[in-house]
C-alpha atoms as a PDB file:
ATOM      1  CA  MET A   1     -14.603  -2.495   5.156  1.00  0.00           C
ATOM      2  CA  GLU A   2     -12.207   0.469   4.936  1.00  0.00           C
ATOM      3  CA  ALA A   3      -9.539  -1.646   3.260  1.00  0.00           C
ATOM      4  CA  LYS A   4     -12.002  -2.966   0.686  1.00  0.00           C
ATOM      5  CA  LYS A   5     -13.183   0.549  -0.248  1.00  0.00           C
ATOM      6  CA  PHE A   6      -9.595   1.761  -0.561  1.00  0.00           C
ATOM      7  CA  ILE A   7      -8.675  -1.093  -2.915  1.00  0.00           C
ATOM      8  CA  LEU A   8     -11.848  -0.672  -4.979  1.00  0.00           C
ATOM      9  CA  ASP A   9     -11.046   3.031  -5.390  1.00  0.00           C
ATOM     10  CA  LEU A  10      -7.560   2.125  -6.646  1.00  0.00           C
ATOM     11  CA  ILE A  11      -9.062  -0.348  -9.126  1.00  0.00           C
ATOM     12  CA  ARG A  12     -11.477   2.315 -10.384  1.00  0.00           C
ATOM     13  CA  GLU A  13      -8.537   4.675 -10.965  1.00  0.00           C
ATOM     14  CA  GLY A  14      -7.132   2.099 -13.368  1.00  0.00           C
ATOM     15  CA  LYS A  15      -3.480   2.894 -12.678  1.00  0.00           C
ATOM     16  CA  HIS A  16      -2.636  -0.248 -10.743  1.00  0.00           C
ATOM     17  CA  PHE A  17      -5.009  -2.737 -12.300  1.00  0.00           C
ATOM     18  CA  TYR A  18      -5.290  -3.865 -15.894  1.00  0.00           C
ATOM     19  CA  HIS A  19      -6.141  -6.912 -17.948  1.00  0.00           C
ATOM     20  CA  GLU A  20      -4.832  -8.557 -21.081  1.00  0.00           C
ATOM     21  CA  GLY A  21      -7.524 -10.778 -22.513  1.00  0.00           C
ATOM     22  CA  ASN A  22      -8.753 -12.893 -19.632  1.00  0.00           C
ATOM     23  CA  ILE A  23      -5.669 -12.288 -17.444  1.00  0.00           C
ATOM     24  CA  PHE A  24      -5.967  -9.597 -14.780  1.00  0.00           C
ATOM     25  CA  HIS A  25      -2.881  -7.876 -13.344  1.00  0.00           C
ATOM     26  CA  ALA A  26      -2.927  -6.179  -9.956  1.00  0.00           C
ATOM     27  CA  ASP A  27       0.448  -7.070  -8.466  1.00  0.00           C
ATOM     28  CA  LYS A  28       0.817  -4.043  -6.197  1.00  0.00           C
ATOM     29  CA  LEU A  29      -2.799  -4.166  -5.091  1.00  0.00           C
ATOM     30  CA  PHE A  30      -2.314  -7.517  -3.363  1.00  0.00           C
ATOM     31  CA  VAL A  31       0.450  -6.042  -1.214  1.00  0.00           C
ATOM     32  CA  VAL A  32      -1.484  -2.811  -0.644  1.00  0.00           C
ATOM     33  CA  ASN A  33      -4.573  -4.752   0.404  1.00  0.00           C
ATOM     34  CA  SER A  34      -2.624  -6.775   2.955  1.00  0.00           C
ATOM     35  CA  VAL A  35      -0.944  -3.647   4.373  1.00  0.00           C
ATOM     36  CA  ILE A  36      -4.187  -1.669   4.587  1.00  0.00           C
ATOM     37  CA  LYS A  37      -5.989  -4.550   6.317  1.00  0.00           C
ATOM     38  CA  TRP A  38      -3.090  -4.889   8.746  1.00  0.00           C
ATOM     39  CA  VAL A  39      -3.047  -1.146   9.519  1.00  0.00           C
ATOM     40  CA  VAL A  40      -6.843  -0.958   9.946  1.00  0.00           C
ATOM     41  CA  ASP A  41      -6.789  -3.948  12.314  1.00  0.00           C
ATOM     42  CA  ARG A  42      -4.014  -2.359  14.397  1.00  0.00           C
ATOM     43  CA  ALA A  43      -5.819   1.005  14.477  1.00  0.00           C
ATOM     44  CA  LYS A  44      -9.103  -0.589  15.580  1.00  0.00           C
ATOM     45  CA  SER A  45      -7.341  -2.478  18.366  1.00  0.00           C
ATOM     46  CA  GLY A  46      -5.675   0.742  19.576  1.00  0.00           C
ATOM     47  CA  GLU A  47      -2.194  -0.507  18.740  1.00  0.00           C
ATOM     48  CA  PHE A  48      -1.701   2.279  16.130  1.00  0.00           C
ATOM     49  CA  ASP A  49      -2.636   5.906  16.664  1.00  0.00           C
ATOM     50  CA  ALA A  50      -3.681   8.339  13.920  1.00  0.00           C
ATOM     51  CA  THR A  51      -0.085   9.415  13.251  1.00  0.00           C
ATOM     52  CA  GLN A  52       1.071   5.838  12.726  1.00  0.00           C
ATOM     53  CA  VAL A  53      -1.858   5.137  10.400  1.00  0.00           C
ATOM     54  CA  LYS A  54      -1.023   8.263   8.381  1.00  0.00           C
ATOM     55  CA  ASN A  55       2.639   7.219   8.153  1.00  0.00           C
ATOM     56  CA  TYR A  56       1.724   3.775   6.809  1.00  0.00           C
ATOM     57  CA  LEU A  57      -0.708   5.288   4.300  1.00  0.00           C
ATOM     58  CA  ASN A  58       2.058   7.619   3.118  1.00  0.00           C
ATOM     59  CA  VAL A  59       4.327   4.597   2.627  1.00  0.00           C
ATOM     60  CA  VAL A  60       1.583   2.860   0.619  1.00  0.00           C
ATOM     61  CA  SER A  61       1.265   5.960  -1.567  1.00  0.00           C
ATOM     62  CA  THR A  62       5.036   6.023  -2.092  1.00  0.00           C
ATOM     63  CA  TYR A  63       4.930   2.314  -2.981  1.00  0.00           C
ATOM     64  CA  LEU A  64       2.230   2.916  -5.584  1.00  0.00           C
ATOM     65  CA  LYS A  65       4.386   5.695  -7.108  1.00  0.00           C
ATOM     66  CA  GLY A  66       7.261   3.218  -7.415  1.00  0.00           C
ATOM     67  CA  ASP A  67       9.672   4.994  -5.078  1.00  0.00           C
ATOM     68  CA  VAL A  68       9.809   2.195  -2.501  1.00  0.00           C
ATOM     69  CA  ASP A  69       9.184  -1.528  -2.398  1.00  0.00           C
ATOM     70  CA  LEU A  70       6.905  -3.033   0.242  1.00  0.00           C
ATOM     71  CA  PHE A  71       7.097  -6.674   1.121  1.00  0.00           C
ATOM     72  CA  TRP A  72       6.296  -9.085   3.909  1.00  0.00           C
ATOM     73  CA  GLU A  73       8.873 -11.449   5.325  1.00  0.00           C
ATOM     74  CA  ASN A  74       7.956 -13.836   8.145  1.00  0.00           C
ATOM     75  CA  GLY A  75       5.027 -11.612   9.151  1.00  0.00           C
ATOM     76  CA  THR A  76       7.076  -8.407   9.252  1.00  0.00           C
ATOM     77  CA  LEU A  77       6.472  -5.547   6.830  1.00  0.00           C
ATOM     78  CA  PHE A  78       9.611  -4.191   5.162  1.00  0.00           C
ATOM     79  CA  VAL A  79      10.084  -1.000   3.166  1.00  0.00           C
ATOM     80  CA  ARG A  80      13.002  -0.697   0.763  1.00  0.00           C
ATOM     81  CA  GLN A  81      13.843   2.612  -0.911  1.00  0.00           C
ATOM     82  CA  LEU A  82      14.154   2.257  -4.683  1.00  0.00           C
ATOM     83  CA  LYS A  83      14.864   5.851  -5.681  1.00  0.00           C
ATOM     84  CA  GLU A  84      17.189   8.379  -4.158  1.00  0.00           C
ATOM     85  CA  ALA A  85      15.483  11.196  -2.303  1.00  0.00           C
ATOM     86  CA  THR A  86      15.826  14.501  -4.121  1.00  0.00           C
ATOM     87  CA  SER A  87      16.603  17.770  -2.421  1.00  0.00           C
ATOM     88  CA  ASN A  88      14.815  21.034  -3.114  1.00  0.00           C
ATOM     89  CA  LEU A  89      18.029  23.010  -2.515  1.00  0.00           C
END
């Protein structure tokens, strides 16, 4: 249920979901939904603790900003950095 609420909130925001005529676009939301479901399942089973859940949610947020790419390959979640990290120095 948590994953569904999270995705519905993202749809309501309107940033990651749009439609052109009768075609709906939500490319990132499909990946986000699969990651959130995966994380929630692992947290419920005790495999992930609160810190790990927070780390994955931070990665999802970074993915939605466009700074990283998230993708599944053979059942393994990969994160690829798309933008260089900036320094505050």
